[in-house]
Protein backbone atom coordinates (compact mmCIF):
# COMPACT_ATOMS: atom_id res chain seq x y z
CA MET A 1 -43.34 60.55 -29.45
CA PHE A 2 -40.69 60.91 -27.24
CA GLU A 3 -42.42 59.52 -24.59
CA GLU A 4 -42.72 56.03 -26.74
CA LEU A 5 -38.79 56.58 -28.02
CA LEU A 6 -37.89 56.75 -24.05
CA GLN A 7 -40.08 53.62 -23.30
CA ASP A 8 -38.30 51.64 -26.11
CA ALA A 9 -34.80 52.44 -25.02
CA VAL A 10 -35.84 51.32 -21.29
CA SER A 11 -36.88 48.14 -22.33
CA LEU A 12 -33.87 47.47 -24.75
CA SER A 13 -32.24 48.68 -21.90
CA LEU A 14 -33.76 45.96 -19.85
CA LEU A 15 -33.36 43.52 -22.15
CA GLY A 16 -30.47 44.10 -22.92
CA ALA A 17 -29.15 43.55 -19.00
CA LEU A 18 -31.41 40.62 -18.62
CA ALA A 19 -29.28 39.13 -21.93
CA GLY A 20 -26.15 39.70 -20.25
CA VAL A 21 -27.05 38.13 -16.87
CA LEU A 22 -28.13 35.27 -18.87
CA ALA A 23 -25.03 35.00 -20.75
CA VAL A 24 -23.01 35.25 -17.63
CA HIS A 25 -24.78 32.94 -15.90
CA LEU A 26 -24.73 30.59 -18.71
CA TYR A 27 -20.91 31.11 -19.48
CA SER A 28 -20.40 30.68 -15.26
CA ILE A 29 -22.46 26.68 -16.34
CA LEU A 30 -20.67 25.93 -18.93
CA SER A 31 -17.05 26.79 -17.72
CA PHE A 32 -18.01 24.74 -14.22
CA ARG A 33 -19.45 21.79 -16.46
CA SER A 34 -15.81 22.11 -18.17
CA LYS A 35 -13.59 22.12 -15.35
CA ALA A 36 -15.82 19.15 -14.16
CA LYS A 37 -15.19 17.23 -16.94
CA LEU A 38 -11.48 18.00 -15.97
CA GLU A 39 -11.92 17.01 -12.09
CA PRO A 40 -10.74 12.88 -11.61
CA PRO A 41 -13.43 10.58 -11.69
CA GLY A 42 -15.24 8.38 -9.07
CA PRO A 43 -18.20 7.01 -7.88
CA ARG A 44 -21.55 9.05 -7.15
CA SER A 45 -21.85 10.01 -3.57
CA LEU A 46 -24.65 10.62 -1.12
CA PRO A 47 -24.81 13.50 0.83
CA LEU A 48 -23.21 13.98 4.18
CA VAL A 49 -21.65 10.16 4.46
CA GLY A 50 -20.49 10.85 0.60
CA ASN A 51 -18.71 7.09 -0.76
CA LEU A 52 -18.71 5.60 3.03
CA LEU A 53 -21.62 3.20 2.22
CA GLN A 54 -19.39 1.64 -0.51
CA VAL A 55 -16.01 0.93 1.38
CA ASP A 56 -14.63 -1.03 4.11
CA LEU A 57 -13.01 1.13 7.27
CA LYS A 58 -11.15 -2.02 8.28
CA ARG A 59 -9.94 -2.59 4.78
CA LEU A 60 -9.80 0.92 3.21
CA ASP A 61 -6.62 0.35 0.90
CA GLU A 62 -8.73 -2.43 -0.72
CA SER A 63 -11.80 -0.42 -1.51
CA LEU A 64 -9.55 2.07 -3.08
CA PHE A 65 -8.05 0.23 -4.90
CA SER A 66 -11.21 -1.77 -6.29
CA PHE A 67 -11.94 1.80 -7.32
CA ALA A 68 -9.16 2.09 -9.17
CA LYS A 69 -9.43 -1.13 -11.67
CA GLN A 70 -12.94 0.72 -12.12
CA TYR A 71 -12.04 4.59 -12.31
CA GLY A 72 -8.63 4.44 -12.96
CA SER A 73 -5.36 5.57 -11.50
CA VAL A 74 -6.45 9.23 -10.51
CA PHE A 75 -10.16 9.32 -8.90
CA THR A 76 -11.80 10.97 -6.81
CA ILE A 77 -14.14 9.40 -3.51
CA TYR A 78 -15.59 11.61 -0.42
CA LEU A 79 -15.04 10.20 2.98
CA GLY A 80 -17.86 11.63 4.73
CA THR A 81 -18.20 15.37 3.50
CA GLN A 82 -14.04 15.41 2.51
CA LYS A 83 -12.92 15.47 -0.96
CA VAL A 84 -10.30 13.35 -1.52
CA VAL A 85 -7.95 12.77 -5.10
CA VAL A 86 -6.32 8.77 -5.01
CA LEU A 87 -3.34 8.08 -7.20
CA ALA A 88 -2.87 4.38 -8.00
CA GLY A 89 -0.10 2.28 -9.10
CA TYR A 90 3.44 2.71 -8.94
CA LYS A 91 4.01 4.87 -12.01
CA THR A 92 1.04 7.69 -11.02
CA VAL A 93 2.49 7.51 -7.12
CA LYS A 94 5.75 8.13 -8.69
CA GLN A 95 4.97 10.97 -11.08
CA ALA A 96 3.13 13.01 -8.76
CA LEU A 97 5.08 12.39 -5.62
CA VAL A 98 8.22 13.16 -7.68
CA GLY A 99 7.61 14.81 -10.97
CA HIS A 100 5.28 16.93 -8.96
CA ALA A 101 6.64 17.04 -5.40
CA MET A 102 6.27 20.71 -5.23
CA GLU A 103 2.29 20.32 -5.61
CA PHE A 104 1.98 17.01 -4.19
CA GLY A 105 4.48 17.89 -0.92
CA GLU A 106 1.86 19.18 1.56
CA ARG A 107 0.84 17.51 4.51
CA PHE A 108 -3.03 17.00 5.09
CA VAL A 109 -3.76 17.18 9.14
CA GLN A 110 -6.29 15.29 10.23
CA PRO A 111 -8.00 16.70 13.52
CA MET A 112 -6.49 13.89 15.42
CA PHE A 113 -3.36 14.64 14.47
CA ALA A 114 -3.90 18.34 14.95
CA ASP A 115 -5.51 17.62 18.57
CA LEU A 116 -2.07 15.61 19.31
CA THR A 117 0.93 17.72 17.76
CA GLY A 118 -1.20 21.41 17.22
CA GLY A 119 1.29 21.13 13.68
CA HIS A 120 4.83 20.90 15.67
CA GLY A 121 7.00 18.65 14.87
CA ILE A 122 7.93 17.01 11.51
CA ILE A 123 5.35 14.53 10.31
CA PHE A 124 2.18 16.27 10.58
CA ALA A 125 3.80 19.89 9.78
CA ASN A 126 3.60 22.17 6.87
CA GLY A 127 5.81 25.86 6.04
CA GLU A 128 8.65 27.32 6.88
CA SER A 129 9.01 25.21 10.60
CA TRP A 130 8.50 21.73 8.92
CA LYS A 131 11.15 22.58 6.07
CA GLU A 132 13.44 23.91 8.86
CA LEU A 133 12.87 20.87 11.41
CA ARG A 134 13.14 18.46 8.21
CA ARG A 135 16.74 19.91 7.06
CA PHE A 136 17.86 19.72 10.81
CA ALA A 137 16.83 16.44 12.00
CA LEU A 138 18.49 14.20 8.21
CA SER A 139 21.29 16.39 8.61
CA THR A 140 22.06 15.44 12.53
CA LEU A 141 20.93 12.42 11.48
CA ARG A 142 23.76 11.77 9.38
CA GLU A 143 26.45 12.86 11.36
CA PHE A 144 25.22 10.46 14.06
CA GLY A 145 26.31 7.95 11.04
CA MET A 146 22.65 7.07 10.00
CA GLY A 147 22.78 3.86 8.15
CA LYS A 148 26.60 3.49 8.27
CA LYS A 149 28.85 1.98 10.72
CA LEU A 150 28.26 3.92 13.60
CA THR A 151 24.89 3.43 13.59
CA GLN A 152 25.98 -0.78 12.48
CA ASP A 153 27.56 -0.82 15.81
CA LYS A 154 24.33 0.11 17.85
CA VAL A 155 21.87 -2.42 15.81
CA LEU A 156 24.77 -5.04 16.65
CA GLU A 157 24.40 -4.15 20.53
CA GLU A 158 21.11 -4.02 20.33
CA CYS A 159 21.18 -7.50 18.87
CA ASN A 160 22.90 -8.56 21.56
CA ASN A 161 20.96 -7.56 23.95
CA LEU A 162 17.81 -8.93 22.18
CA ILE A 163 19.04 -12.35 22.09
CA PRO A 164 18.74 -13.49 25.91
CA ILE A 165 15.17 -12.18 25.84
CA LEU A 166 14.41 -14.64 23.34
CA GLU A 167 16.30 -17.36 24.65
CA SER A 168 14.64 -16.87 28.11
CA HIS A 169 11.04 -18.34 26.54
CA GLN A 170 13.56 -21.60 26.13
CA GLY A 171 11.31 -22.45 22.77
CA GLN A 172 7.58 -21.89 24.17
CA PRO A 173 5.31 -19.29 22.13
CA PHE A 174 5.72 -15.98 22.49
CA ASP A 175 4.22 -12.89 21.44
CA THR A 176 7.00 -11.25 19.65
CA THR A 177 5.82 -7.35 20.00
CA THR A 178 6.97 -6.32 22.78
CA PRO A 179 10.94 -7.57 22.39
CA MET A 180 11.12 -6.22 19.17
CA SER A 181 9.66 -2.98 19.57
CA TRP A 182 12.17 -2.60 22.64
CA ALA A 183 15.16 -3.33 20.43
CA THR A 184 14.01 -0.70 17.10
CA SER A 185 12.91 1.86 20.01
CA ASN A 186 16.59 1.28 21.68
CA ILE A 187 17.89 2.45 18.04
CA ILE A 188 16.30 5.56 17.77
CA CYS A 189 16.79 6.28 21.24
CA SER A 190 20.47 5.68 21.40
CA ILE A 191 21.02 8.27 18.38
CA VAL A 192 18.19 11.00 19.51
CA TYR A 193 19.41 11.23 23.51
CA GLY A 194 22.66 9.69 23.30
CA ASN A 195 21.76 6.27 24.74
CA ARG A 196 19.82 3.38 24.77
CA PHE A 197 17.59 1.99 28.02
CA GLU A 198 17.38 -1.39 29.62
CA TYR A 199 13.94 -2.91 28.85
CA SER A 200 13.96 -3.23 32.52
CA ASP A 201 13.29 0.56 32.48
CA PRO A 202 9.81 1.12 33.12
CA ARG A 203 9.64 4.59 31.64
CA PHE A 204 11.23 3.24 28.56
CA SER A 205 8.90 0.32 28.63
CA ALA A 206 5.72 2.96 29.27
CA MET A 207 7.01 4.93 26.43
CA VAL A 208 6.68 2.15 23.95
CA ARG A 209 3.15 0.59 25.01
CA ARG A 210 1.92 4.02 24.91
CA SER A 211 3.12 5.00 21.63
CA ASN A 212 1.81 1.14 19.70
CA GLU A 213 -1.54 1.78 21.43
CA SER A 214 -1.79 5.10 20.07
CA ILE A 215 -0.75 4.18 16.47
CA ARG A 216 -3.06 1.17 16.59
CA TYR A 217 -6.28 3.35 18.10
CA PHE A 218 -5.04 5.70 15.28
CA GLY A 219 -6.55 3.35 12.24
CA SER A 220 -9.98 2.24 14.79
CA HIS A 221 -12.93 3.24 13.04
CA GLN A 222 -13.72 5.67 16.50
CA ILE A 223 -10.86 7.96 15.31
CA GLN A 224 -12.06 7.45 11.37
CA LEU A 225 -14.92 9.17 12.59
CA TYR A 226 -13.71 11.67 14.27
CA ASN A 227 -11.52 12.50 11.46
CA MET A 228 -14.80 12.70 8.92
CA PHE A 229 -16.79 14.39 11.52
CA PRO A 230 -14.92 16.11 14.21
CA ARG A 231 -17.83 18.09 15.77
CA LEU A 232 -20.29 14.94 16.21
CA PHE A 233 -17.35 12.54 17.53
CA ARG A 234 -15.47 14.13 20.02
CA TRP A 235 -16.07 12.31 22.37
CA VAL A 236 -15.22 9.15 21.63
CA LYS A 237 -12.94 7.01 23.69
CA HIS A 238 -10.29 6.54 21.56
CA ARG A 239 -9.35 9.81 21.03
CA GLN A 240 -9.36 10.29 24.65
CA CYS A 241 -7.02 7.51 25.41
CA ILE A 242 -4.64 8.84 22.41
CA LEU A 243 -4.46 12.30 24.23
CA ASN A 244 -3.97 10.64 27.56
CA ASN A 245 -1.37 8.92 26.46
CA ARG A 246 0.53 11.81 24.34
CA ASP A 247 0.12 13.81 27.64
CA GLU A 248 2.10 11.06 29.36
CA ILE A 249 5.14 10.67 27.05
CA ILE A 250 5.06 14.64 26.98
CA LYS A 251 6.01 14.39 30.74
CA ASP A 252 8.85 11.49 30.34
CA VAL A 253 10.05 13.31 27.56
CA LYS A 254 10.47 16.58 29.33
CA GLU A 255 12.30 14.59 31.90
CA LEU A 256 14.80 12.97 29.34
CA LEU A 257 15.01 16.54 28.33
CA ARG A 258 16.55 17.93 31.21
CA GLN A 259 19.04 15.04 32.02
CA ARG A 260 20.32 15.53 28.67
CA LYS A 261 20.39 19.81 28.99
CA GLU A 262 21.72 18.74 32.66
CA LYS A 263 25.10 17.12 30.93
CA LEU A 264 25.31 19.40 27.53
CA ASP A 265 28.89 20.20 26.08
CA PRO A 266 28.16 21.60 23.05
CA GLU A 267 31.70 20.66 22.38
CA MET A 268 30.55 16.61 22.48
CA CYS A 269 27.39 16.10 21.28
CA THR A 270 25.76 12.52 21.54
CA GLY A 271 22.49 12.66 19.82
CA VAL A 272 19.95 14.82 18.02
CA VAL A 273 18.78 16.45 21.56
CA ASP A 274 22.18 17.94 22.31
CA CYS A 275 22.54 19.36 18.63
CA PHE A 276 18.70 21.10 19.36
CA PHE A 277 19.81 22.24 22.20
CA VAL A 278 23.01 23.76 20.58
CA ARG A 279 21.40 25.14 17.98
CA GLN A 280 18.56 26.46 19.99
CA GLN A 281 21.37 28.65 21.82
CA LYS A 282 23.08 29.97 19.25
CA GLU A 283 19.06 31.36 17.75
CA GLU A 284 18.88 32.92 20.61
CA LYS A 285 22.17 34.47 20.97
CA ALA A 286 20.98 35.46 17.00
CA GLY A 287 17.99 37.17 18.82
CA ARG A 288 15.44 34.72 17.32
CA LYS A 289 13.95 33.79 20.39
CA GLN A 290 10.59 32.90 18.72
CA GLY A 291 12.30 31.16 15.96
CA TYR A 292 11.29 27.26 14.97
CA PHE A 293 14.20 25.88 17.59
CA ASN A 294 11.63 26.43 19.94
CA GLU A 295 10.81 23.78 23.43
CA GLU A 296 7.51 22.47 21.14
CA ASN A 297 9.09 21.96 18.30
CA LEU A 298 11.76 19.51 19.89
CA ILE A 299 9.45 17.50 21.89
CA PHE A 300 6.85 16.70 18.74
CA MET A 301 9.98 16.05 16.79
CA VAL A 302 11.48 13.69 19.48
CA ASN A 303 8.22 12.29 19.56
CA ASN A 304 7.87 11.90 16.15
CA LEU A 305 11.59 9.90 15.15
CA PHE A 306 10.38 7.81 18.44
CA ALA A 307 7.00 6.48 17.02
CA ALA A 308 8.16 6.27 13.31
CA GLY A 309 10.71 4.95 14.67
CA THR A 310 9.92 2.37 16.89
CA ASP A 311 6.69 1.33 15.09
CA THR A 312 7.34 0.65 11.08
CA SER A 313 10.41 -1.49 12.05
CA ALA A 314 8.95 -3.45 14.55
CA THR A 315 5.89 -4.83 13.02
CA THR A 316 7.70 -5.11 9.78
CA LEU A 317 10.46 -7.83 11.97
CA ARG A 318 7.20 -9.07 12.96
CA TRP A 319 6.10 -9.89 9.84
CA ALA A 320 9.61 -11.01 8.49
CA PHE A 321 9.44 -14.21 11.57
CA LEU A 322 6.29 -14.71 10.65
CA LEU A 323 6.54 -15.41 7.39
CA MET A 324 9.61 -17.47 7.83
CA ALA A 325 7.65 -19.51 10.64
CA LYS A 326 4.85 -19.58 7.66
CA TYR A 327 7.40 -20.61 4.76
CA PRO A 328 10.20 -22.92 6.67
CA GLN A 329 11.93 -23.54 2.91
CA ILE A 330 12.54 -19.74 2.47
CA GLN A 331 13.75 -19.60 6.13
CA GLU A 332 15.81 -22.57 5.65
CA ASN A 333 17.52 -21.20 1.93
CA VAL A 334 18.59 -18.27 4.21
CA HIS A 335 19.79 -19.37 6.81
CA GLU A 336 21.83 -22.04 4.58
CA GLU A 337 23.16 -18.31 2.43
CA LEU A 338 23.76 -17.24 6.07
CA SER A 339 26.25 -20.02 7.23
CA ARG A 340 27.68 -20.44 3.84
CA VAL A 341 29.04 -16.77 3.26
CA LEU A 342 29.31 -16.19 6.72
CA ALA A 343 30.37 -19.48 8.51
CA GLY A 344 29.32 -18.53 11.95
CA ARG A 345 30.97 -14.83 12.02
CA PRO A 346 29.21 -12.15 12.89
CA ILE A 347 27.04 -10.48 10.70
CA ASP A 348 28.38 -7.10 9.52
CA ILE A 349 26.86 -4.53 6.82
CA GLU A 350 29.07 -5.12 4.14
CA ASN A 351 28.22 -8.82 3.77
CA ARG A 352 24.83 -7.53 1.96
CA LYS A 353 26.33 -7.44 -0.67
CA ASN A 354 27.39 -11.18 -0.98
CA LEU A 355 23.94 -12.12 0.63
CA PRO A 356 21.55 -11.74 -2.15
CA TYR A 357 18.91 -14.17 -0.93
CA SER A 358 18.61 -13.28 2.42
CA ASN A 359 18.58 -9.67 1.01
CA ALA A 360 15.46 -10.36 -1.64
CA VAL A 361 13.78 -12.18 1.35
CA ILE A 362 13.92 -8.90 3.58
CA HIS A 363 12.66 -6.53 0.58
CA GLU A 364 9.81 -8.77 0.09
CA VAL A 365 9.14 -8.83 2.95
CA GLN A 366 8.71 -5.56 3.02
CA ARG A 367 6.57 -5.51 0.22
CA TYR A 368 4.49 -8.17 0.75
CA ALA A 369 3.95 -6.57 4.66
CA ASN A 370 2.62 -3.43 3.09
CA ILE A 371 2.89 -1.59 6.32
CA ILE A 372 1.39 1.78 5.37
CA PRO A 373 -0.61 1.08 2.75
CA MET A 374 -2.04 4.57 1.83
CA SER A 375 0.72 6.83 3.18
CA ILE A 376 0.21 9.36 5.17
CA LEU A 377 -2.07 12.08 3.91
CA HIS A 378 -0.92 14.35 1.32
CA ARG A 379 -2.65 17.88 0.33
CA THR A 380 -2.03 20.24 -2.67
CA SER A 381 -0.08 23.29 -2.53
CA GLN A 382 -1.72 24.58 -5.68
CA ASP A 383 -3.50 24.25 -8.59
CA VAL A 384 -2.83 21.16 -10.76
CA THR A 385 -2.93 19.64 -14.10
CA PHE A 386 -2.27 16.18 -13.32
CA GLN A 387 -2.67 13.44 -16.11
CA GLY A 388 -4.63 15.52 -17.96
CA TYR A 389 -7.37 15.92 -14.80
CA PHE A 390 -7.38 19.36 -12.84
CA ILE A 391 -6.43 18.92 -8.63
CA GLN A 392 -7.88 22.04 -6.85
CA LYS A 393 -5.10 23.38 -4.13
CA GLY A 394 -6.16 22.28 -0.57
CA THR A 395 -7.68 18.66 -1.92
CA VAL A 396 -6.98 16.42 -0.17
CA VAL A 397 -4.69 13.53 -1.77
CA ILE A 398 -3.82 10.06 -0.88
CA PRO A 399 -0.72 8.31 -2.17
CA LEU A 400 -1.57 4.51 -2.32
CA LEU A 401 0.98 2.86 -1.55
CA SER A 402 -0.53 -0.44 -1.54
CA SER A 403 -0.93 -0.22 -5.00
CA ALA A 404 2.52 0.26 -5.85
CA LEU A 405 3.68 -2.68 -3.65
CA TYR A 406 0.96 -4.97 -5.51
CA ASP A 407 0.74 -3.18 -8.98
CA GLU A 408 -0.02 -6.30 -11.48
CA ASN A 409 2.60 -4.24 -14.10
CA GLU A 410 5.85 -4.27 -11.45
CA TRP A 411 5.08 -7.53 -10.40
CA GLU A 412 5.48 -11.04 -11.28
CA THR A 413 2.96 -12.50 -8.66
CA PRO A 414 2.40 -9.36 -6.83
CA ASN A 415 -0.31 -11.80 -4.13
CA THR A 416 2.72 -14.36 -3.33
CA PHE A 417 4.88 -13.67 -1.12
CA ASN A 418 8.27 -14.38 -3.92
CA PRO A 419 11.97 -13.30 -2.86
CA SER A 420 12.39 -14.02 -6.14
CA HIS A 421 10.99 -10.20 -7.17
CA PHE A 422 14.55 -9.16 -6.19
CA LEU A 423 16.34 -12.29 -7.75
CA ASP A 424 17.76 -12.50 -11.96
CA LYS A 425 17.88 -15.85 -13.44
CA ASP A 426 21.13 -15.95 -11.36
CA GLY A 427 20.57 -15.82 -8.36
CA ASN A 428 21.91 -12.19 -7.69
CA PHE A 429 19.95 -9.50 -5.98
CA VAL A 430 17.99 -6.90 -8.67
CA LYS A 431 16.90 -3.25 -6.80
CA ARG A 432 13.09 -3.04 -8.13
CA ASP A 433 12.36 0.62 -8.22
CA ALA A 434 8.45 0.13 -7.56
CA LEU A 435 9.57 -0.72 -3.93
CA ILE A 436 8.45 2.69 -2.47
CA PRO A 437 7.45 1.38 1.25
CA PHE A 438 8.68 4.70 2.86
CA SER A 439 6.91 7.00 0.13
CA ALA A 440 8.64 9.13 -2.39
CA GLY A 441 9.47 12.96 -2.76
CA HIS A 442 10.02 15.61 -0.86
CA ARG A 443 8.12 13.20 2.41
CA VAL A 444 9.67 10.41 1.94
CA CYS A 445 10.60 9.24 5.47
CA LEU A 446 13.49 10.61 6.64
CA GLY A 447 15.04 7.73 8.38
CA GLU A 448 14.78 5.39 5.24
CA GLY A 449 18.56 4.56 5.44
CA LEU A 450 18.67 3.81 9.12
CA ALA A 451 15.30 1.41 8.61
CA ARG A 452 16.73 -0.35 6.03
CA MET A 453 19.97 -1.41 7.63
CA GLU A 454 18.10 -2.02 11.12
CA LEU A 455 15.90 -4.31 8.94
CA PHE A 456 18.60 -6.31 7.33
CA LEU A 457 20.76 -6.47 10.69
CA PHE A 458 18.41 -7.88 12.82
CA PHE A 459 16.33 -10.52 10.49
CA THR A 460 20.00 -11.95 9.40
CA CYS A 461 21.03 -11.89 12.89
CA LEU A 462 18.26 -13.52 14.48
CA LEU A 463 18.03 -15.97 11.91
CA GLN A 464 22.03 -17.17 12.41
CA HIS A 465 20.71 -17.63 16.40
CA PHE A 466 17.18 -18.88 16.13
CA ARG A 467 14.61 -20.83 13.84
CA PHE A 468 10.88 -19.63 14.03
CA THR A 469 8.52 -22.27 13.70
CA PRO A 470 4.41 -22.33 14.67
CA PRO A 471 3.60 -22.90 18.26
CA PRO A 472 3.10 -27.03 19.03
CA GLY A 473 0.13 -28.00 17.65
CA ILE A 474 0.02 -25.82 14.74
CA SER A 475 0.99 -26.30 11.33
CA GLU A 476 2.43 -23.42 8.93
CA ASP A 477 -0.28 -23.60 7.26
CA GLU A 478 -2.93 -22.53 9.94
CA LEU A 479 -0.69 -19.69 10.46
CA ASP A 480 -3.08 -17.16 9.37
CA LEU A 481 -1.31 -14.25 7.38
CA SER A 482 -4.67 -11.60 7.82
CA PRO A 483 -3.37 -8.45 8.33
CA VAL A 484 -5.04 -6.29 10.96
CA VAL A 485 -4.81 -2.63 9.27
CA GLY A 486 -4.95 0.51 10.84
CA PHE A 487 -2.74 3.61 10.75
CA THR A 488 -0.04 0.71 10.34
CA THR A 489 -0.52 -2.83 8.72
CA ASN A 490 0.10 -5.65 11.51
CA PRO A 491 -0.14 -9.32 11.60
CA SER A 492 -2.89 -10.96 13.04
CA PRO A 493 -2.05 -11.67 16.88
CA HIS A 494 0.09 -14.51 16.96
CA GLN A 495 2.58 -16.47 18.95
CA LEU A 496 5.94 -18.12 17.13
CA CYS A 497 8.86 -20.07 19.15
CA ALA A 498 12.57 -18.53 18.37
CA ILE A 499 14.19 -22.39 18.49
CA LYS A 500 17.64 -21.93 19.12
CA ARG A 501 19.88 -23.18 16.01
CA GLN A 502 22.81 -25.40 17.22
């Protein structure tokens, strides 16, 4: 009798244990499904390749924009094995980057950028190092007049050096890439190093060339594949070219830094580098030799400012002059306003409020050109519920800036170059919140004020002196506005004529 009762008890215990295991397993399944339902939707993906067969890597931003129309403003895709949440539309992008700035504020550092910087500098860094360096760079740039009169003088001085370069072509076709890059690069160099460089300086021209080449390679298929499958594609040629360019640029930067340090006068800082050295000395005196103000961070901070300050502004200006050649009536409208308001006087940033049409045109160039369509990748710093969806900590996020710049709910004719987007019925300039080419939130471009001033002054100054036209034998209709999308969105290779105005 006792044995039977014991067997029954054991059987009941086993059944109870089994029921408990089943209950836990069932709970985990239901919990997972409940959680999965809260995750952003998206297209079905395949093992290893994810959704790569469903997108065009040459225009990934357009593919993502199309997915947004099907899956909504927050959706998931897989680039290879990498899970990515995409944010589409102005309101969604702003809500995430500004309204949830902390949660969406980290940078996702792709393998190529990790190889390139090792986590140093500003753009591809996170944590306390990023916070300290960004705070330092922003305050120092402001100290040297970013977006103010002091910067205006530097830009206008550079215009005076650029005009003879354009005149030297004597109205014949030329590629605008190099002269625009030289000019915009010199602005950031004058702020960073305290001096500009002659266009004939071989070190300067080589640094600009290598920087532009690397930025172009960043958007290539080779680097995209390496970022998705780093173990399989370490051998690709473009990766090695980027690393070689980095090594050569670092050599040049170290030499420039050495020269600045030899001339350093703590009481008379002339650029960001001087201020960094002074801060470095203070940190060392305070016993913080292993802090954030070290040589590696200085080198890569300088490289970040140099590359970002050169490429985006130069590319926007190239788009501006191409669009003026494409739409000669808009160009003549700008010239008429400049002639009427300035009457031959040099341009001044204070004139911007009296030049609403010219101001509208350069803003529309920024919108239409869509220079960084997918921003630079973000990453969630913590679990977040956003627009009803659960997004896990560490998730890669693409704020699709092109979806804001071409948002049908924000722009009357989003796919057309139309300066009227920034003008009211009386011809007054109107600011539009959906224009966010510099991104938003904690990761907004720290050189935004400088870039806005540069674009306006370079554009108006050069249009005072030149009329941009297609090469002889090519009509305006034949000018190609198809973009070449890489890390930044460039115009297709082209040449223009700069005809001197009488």
